Structure formats: C-alpha cells, structure tokens
Amino acid sequence: MSPASPSYYALIPAAGVGARMGASSPKQYLPVAGKPMLRHALDAFRASPLIAHTYVVVSADDPLIDAVAPAERVTVLRCGGATRMESIRNGLRALQGSVDGEDWILVHDAARPGLDAELIGRLIVETGEHPAGGLLALPVVDTVKRGTPGALATVPRENLWLAQTPQMFRYSLLCRALDAATDPAAVTDDASAVEALGLAPRLVEGHPRNLKVTLPADIRIAEMYLAAFRQETNNEPN
C-alpha cells in the first residue's frame, strides 16, 4: 500500500492587537470592502479545493472571532500568545495528532485580505516537494537606499524580494525551526526561522494585492485592489 499523499492546512495567527492602526478593535476585525479583514483570508482558503482545513489562532478571551469565523472548514484555536511566533508555536502544538509530520502548513497573516485561491494554488504547485518549503514574495522594483547618520548608499536591488504570506512548510520542519528560534525579534517571518537552520525556501512570485494592512491608509489601498480583482473576475469570459 502506497503512503497517503500529504494534506495542506492553513494556519492564521490572529491574536495581535494591531497597535499601529490606532483603532478601537484589533485590526484583523476592521472592515475591508464590506467584511472583516480576517474573513477575507478565511474565505480565500475555504475557496481553495487544495486546502483540507483552516485553523485560526486567537487569544483565549477573544470576544469577536465567533461572529467572524465560518463554521465550515474552519477551526478556532484559543491559544494565542504574546507574539506572532508564540501564537504559531501554540497553534502547531494544538494540531499535534491531527496532522502528519509530512503535511504542509500554510501560515498566513490575518492582515492580508488580498489573498485568493489562485495565489494559494500557485504557491502549492510551484513549491512542489521542495524540502525547505516556499513562500509568496515580490521582486523589489524600486531603487533601494540605505541611510545612516551622515551617509546614504544605494543598495543593488537584484535578487531582493519582499516576503508575503502564505509561507508553506512541512509540519515537522516548521515545528523544528520555530522550536530552535531563541530570539523572537530575529524571526520576522516563518521563512527566517527555516533559513536559520541552513535551508533556503523557494520564492514564488505573489501579487501586489496581497499586501499587509499595517497603517490606516493601507485599508483604502487594499479595498482598491479588491475592487479591481472583483471587476477582473466578473469580466472573465465563461
């Protein structure tokens, strides 16, 4: 009997407060194009036939998630931590016994509402069986400057990429990488933890609409991208 094919699971850490937004509620619940920001991400994974299930990690006393998370194909894990890395670690521990070590975990930012099933499929297909996993990213196109007191330098932009999410790794590898990370400040994304093991995840080109909402002005930008995407989709021939 041949071994079962690995499954793909989404894991969304959503226990943050989004302090830079200056809003009265965590930013993942702010409305974007008519629905909470987090719901856009959840709906993208639910729309992908490649994703077996989606898990969202929130704080134990989160009062808003029940009204946002759909009941189908989504499980809420109330084990969020003080940092993003801690929330992901706690979520991975909660999945122990429910997923196989060779299954793939797609970690996605709750504040990226521009994700869609096509991007998810692209990440899965182009990462393939790469042993170090893969992530969506955008090549840097602007001129990059490094400024220090009394000095300014242009940084060559060749081979520079802006990391996005989802970032996709085998369950066992991601657990090992995060358990080995002793400095949360040094782990700015999950790929950096994997890189610290001496591995190089595959870069898969993403899309500008998959931007991370960080500041209030980003909401309007995200809404413009979503409106343009809806129009493109509706104009596609049958």
Protein backbone atom coordinates (compact mmCIF):
# COMPACT_ATOMS: atom_id res chain seq x y z
CA MET A 1 0.00 0.00 0.00
CA SER A 2 1.43 3.37 -1.02
CA PRO A 3 1.64 6.09 1.64
CA ALA A 4 -1.12 8.68 1.66
CA SER A 5 -0.40 11.96 -0.06
CA PRO A 6 0.31 14.85 2.29
CA SER A 7 -2.51 17.29 3.02
CA TYR A 8 -2.42 21.08 3.08
CA TYR A 9 -3.61 23.04 6.09
CA ALA A 10 -3.86 26.80 6.64
CA LEU A 11 -2.81 28.35 9.95
CA ILE A 12 -3.66 32.00 10.58
CA PRO A 13 -2.25 33.68 13.71
CA ALA A 14 -4.81 36.33 14.69
CA ALA A 15 -4.12 37.16 18.33
CA GLY A 16 -2.46 40.53 17.70
CA VAL A 17 -3.90 43.93 18.56
CA GLY A 18 -2.56 45.93 15.58
CA ALA A 19 -1.37 48.86 17.69
CA ARG A 20 -0.11 50.88 14.71
CA MET A 21 -3.64 51.08 13.31
CA GLY A 22 -4.77 53.15 16.29
CA ALA A 23 -8.21 51.51 16.10
CA SER A 24 -10.61 50.59 18.88
CA SER A 25 -10.52 46.89 17.96
CA PRO A 26 -7.79 44.55 16.66
CA LYS A 27 -7.07 45.31 13.03
CA GLN A 28 -7.96 41.81 11.81
CA TYR A 29 -11.60 42.66 12.61
CA LEU A 30 -11.69 46.05 10.92
CA PRO A 31 -13.96 46.20 7.87
CA VAL A 32 -12.35 45.99 4.45
CA ALA A 33 -14.61 46.09 1.40
CA GLY A 34 -17.67 45.22 3.47
CA LYS A 35 -16.40 42.42 5.72
CA PRO A 36 -13.83 41.91 8.47
CA MET A 37 -10.25 41.76 7.26
CA LEU A 38 -9.75 38.29 8.71
CA ARG A 39 -12.81 36.94 6.93
CA HIS A 40 -11.23 37.70 3.54
CA ALA A 41 -8.30 35.42 4.43
CA LEU A 42 -10.56 32.69 5.76
CA ASP A 43 -12.74 32.81 2.64
CA ALA A 44 -9.68 32.56 0.37
CA PHE A 45 -8.58 29.29 1.99
CA ARG A 46 -12.15 27.95 2.03
CA ALA A 47 -12.38 28.68 -1.70
CA SER A 48 -9.30 26.59 -2.47
CA PRO A 49 -10.02 22.90 -3.11
CA LEU A 50 -6.39 22.17 -2.19
CA ILE A 51 -6.78 23.20 1.46
CA ALA A 52 -8.05 20.42 3.72
CA HIS A 53 -8.85 22.69 6.69
CA THR A 54 -8.11 26.12 8.10
CA TYR A 55 -7.12 26.90 11.68
CA VAL A 56 -7.15 30.40 13.15
CA VAL A 57 -5.28 31.15 16.38
CA VAL A 58 -6.78 33.82 18.64
CA SER A 59 -6.37 34.86 22.26
CA ALA A 60 -8.25 32.89 24.90
CA ASP A 61 -10.62 35.77 25.64
CA ASP A 62 -11.24 36.96 22.07
CA PRO A 63 -14.90 38.14 22.01
CA LEU A 64 -15.16 38.75 18.25
CA ILE A 65 -13.96 35.63 16.47
CA ASP A 66 -17.18 33.62 16.81
CA ALA A 67 -19.08 36.19 14.75
CA VAL A 68 -16.39 36.22 12.04
CA ALA A 69 -15.21 32.64 11.56
CA PRO A 70 -17.50 30.43 9.47
CA ALA A 71 -18.42 27.03 10.86
CA GLU A 72 -17.46 25.10 7.73
CA ARG A 73 -13.82 24.03 7.25
CA VAL A 74 -12.53 26.44 9.92
CA THR A 75 -11.49 25.68 13.50
CA VAL A 76 -10.77 28.37 16.07
CA LEU A 77 -7.83 27.68 18.39
CA ARG A 78 -7.95 29.86 21.51
CA CYS A 79 -4.27 29.54 22.34
CA GLY A 80 -2.79 32.79 21.05
CA GLY A 81 0.42 34.07 22.60
CA ALA A 82 2.06 37.42 23.27
CA THR A 83 3.91 37.36 19.93
CA ARG A 84 3.15 36.10 16.44
CA MET A 85 5.79 33.39 16.78
CA GLU A 86 4.33 32.23 20.08
CA SER A 87 0.85 32.06 18.58
CA ILE A 88 2.11 29.93 15.70
CA ARG A 89 4.02 27.64 18.06
CA ASN A 90 0.92 27.21 20.22
CA GLY A 91 -1.20 26.54 17.17
CA LEU A 92 1.21 23.91 15.89
CA ARG A 93 1.17 22.19 19.27
CA ALA A 94 -2.64 22.18 19.21
CA LEU A 95 -2.50 20.41 15.82
CA GLN A 96 -0.27 17.63 17.11
CA GLY A 97 -2.02 14.34 16.49
CA SER A 98 -4.41 15.90 13.96
CA VAL A 99 -1.87 16.37 11.17
CA ASP A 100 1.04 14.29 9.93
CA GLY A 101 4.66 15.42 10.09
CA GLU A 102 4.83 15.43 6.28
CA ASP A 103 1.67 17.50 5.86
CA TRP A 104 2.08 21.08 4.68
CA ILE A 105 1.21 24.08 6.85
CA LEU A 106 0.46 27.37 5.09
CA VAL A 107 0.94 30.20 7.59
CA HIS A 108 -0.84 33.38 6.55
CA ASP A 109 -1.13 36.87 8.03
CA ALA A 110 -4.66 37.76 9.13
CA ALA A 111 -4.00 41.28 7.84
CA ARG A 112 -3.53 40.25 4.19
CA PRO A 113 -7.08 40.38 2.75
CA GLY A 114 -5.94 40.23 -0.87
CA LEU A 115 -5.20 36.52 -0.93
CA ASP A 116 -7.21 34.31 -3.30
CA ALA A 117 -7.40 30.67 -4.31
CA GLU A 118 -5.27 31.24 -7.42
CA LEU A 119 -2.34 32.52 -5.35
CA ILE A 120 -2.71 29.63 -2.92
CA GLY A 121 -2.64 27.17 -5.80
CA ARG A 122 0.38 28.86 -7.34
CA LEU A 123 2.31 28.59 -4.07
CA ILE A 124 1.45 24.92 -3.66
CA VAL A 125 2.23 23.94 -7.24
CA GLU A 126 5.47 25.91 -7.61
CA THR A 127 6.80 24.91 -4.19
CA GLY A 128 6.13 21.30 -5.09
CA GLU A 129 8.16 18.92 -2.96
CA HIS A 130 10.91 21.43 -2.19
CA PRO A 131 12.45 20.23 1.09
CA ALA A 132 12.66 23.73 2.56
CA GLY A 133 9.12 24.76 1.60
CA GLY A 134 8.25 28.03 -0.10
CA LEU A 135 6.68 31.44 0.25
CA LEU A 136 4.97 34.07 -1.82
CA ALA A 137 7.12 37.13 -2.43
CA LEU A 138 7.51 40.08 -4.78
CA PRO A 139 10.75 41.10 -6.50
CA VAL A 140 11.89 44.59 -5.50
CA VAL A 141 11.39 47.03 -8.38
CA ASP A 142 12.08 50.38 -6.71
CA THR A 143 15.54 51.81 -6.09
CA VAL A 144 16.59 50.91 -2.56
CA LYS A 145 18.52 53.32 -0.32
CA ARG A 146 20.31 52.62 2.95
CA GLY A 147 20.57 55.70 5.13
CA THR A 148 22.83 56.09 8.14
CA PRO A 149 23.88 59.24 10.03
CA GLY A 150 25.96 61.21 7.56
CA ALA A 151 25.82 58.59 4.83
CA LEU A 152 23.50 57.44 2.06
CA ALA A 153 24.01 54.47 -0.20
CA THR A 154 22.09 52.78 -3.00
CA VAL A 155 21.56 49.08 -2.43
CA PRO A 156 21.53 46.87 -5.56
CA ARG A 157 18.00 45.54 -5.92
CA GLU A 158 18.94 42.44 -7.90
CA ASN A 159 17.86 39.31 -6.03
CA LEU A 160 15.93 41.35 -3.44
CA TRP A 161 12.41 40.18 -2.63
CA LEU A 162 9.59 41.41 -0.39
CA ALA A 163 8.23 38.47 1.57
CA GLN A 164 4.48 37.85 1.65
CA THR A 165 2.35 35.08 3.05
CA PRO A 166 1.27 32.30 2.92
CA GLN A 167 4.58 30.67 3.76
CA MET A 168 4.41 26.91 3.38
CA PHE A 169 6.45 24.25 5.19
CA ARG A 170 6.14 20.64 6.27
CA TYR A 171 4.61 20.45 9.74
CA SER A 172 7.67 18.72 11.24
CA LEU A 173 10.11 21.22 9.70
CA LEU A 174 8.17 24.26 10.84
CA CYS A 175 7.92 22.91 14.39
CA ARG A 176 11.66 22.23 14.45
CA ALA A 177 12.53 25.66 13.05
CA LEU A 178 10.39 27.60 15.50
CA ASP A 179 11.49 25.49 18.46
CA ALA A 180 15.11 26.27 17.55
CA ALA A 181 14.47 30.03 17.36
CA THR A 182 15.56 31.54 20.67
CA ASP A 183 15.19 35.21 19.71
CA PRO A 184 11.65 36.14 18.62
CA ALA A 185 12.91 39.53 17.38
CA ALA A 186 15.19 37.77 14.89
CA VAL A 187 12.30 35.74 13.43
CA THR A 188 10.46 38.32 11.36
CA ASP A 189 8.64 35.61 9.43
CA ASP A 190 8.47 31.83 9.40
CA ALA A 191 10.89 31.57 6.49
CA SER A 192 13.59 33.29 8.53
CA ALA A 193 13.31 30.56 11.16
CA VAL A 194 13.72 27.90 8.47
CA GLU A 195 16.64 29.83 6.96
CA ALA A 196 18.35 29.80 10.37
CA LEU A 197 18.53 26.01 10.02
CA GLY A 198 20.66 26.49 6.91
CA LEU A 199 17.80 25.88 4.46
CA ALA A 200 16.58 28.04 1.57
CA PRO A 201 12.79 28.07 0.95
CA ARG A 202 11.63 28.53 -2.62
CA LEU A 203 10.46 32.01 -3.67
CA VAL A 204 7.15 32.03 -5.56
CA GLU A 205 6.04 35.31 -7.11
CA GLY A 206 2.95 36.70 -5.39
CA HIS A 207 0.82 39.72 -6.23
CA PRO A 208 0.75 43.35 -5.04
CA ARG A 209 -2.89 42.98 -3.94
CA ASN A 210 -1.68 40.56 -1.27
CA LEU A 211 -0.31 43.47 0.74
CA LYS A 212 -0.21 43.54 4.52
CA VAL A 213 -2.51 46.12 6.11
CA THR A 214 -0.42 47.88 8.75
CA LEU A 215 -1.41 51.56 8.73
CA PRO A 216 -4.88 53.14 8.34
CA ALA A 217 -4.15 54.24 4.75
CA ASP A 218 -3.48 50.62 3.79
CA ILE A 219 -7.17 49.77 4.16
CA ARG A 220 -8.12 52.01 1.25
CA ILE A 221 -5.31 50.54 -0.87
CA ALA A 222 -6.49 47.02 -0.08
CA GLU A 223 -10.05 47.95 -0.99
CA MET A 224 -8.93 49.33 -4.36
CA TYR A 225 -7.06 46.11 -5.14
CA LEU A 226 -10.07 44.01 -4.11
CA ALA A 227 -12.43 46.10 -6.24
CA ALA A 228 -10.15 45.75 -9.26
CA PHE A 229 -9.86 41.99 -8.68
CA ARG A 230 -13.64 41.60 -8.49
CA GLN A 231 -14.06 43.53 -11.72
CA GLU A 232 -11.44 41.40 -13.50
CA THR A 233 -13.10 38.22 -12.26
CA ASN A 234 -16.59 39.34 -13.28
CA ASN A 235 -15.37 40.31 -16.76
CA GLU A 236 -13.78 36.94 -17.43
CA PRO A 237 -15.48 35.01 -20.25
CA ASN A 238 -17.42 31.91 -19.23
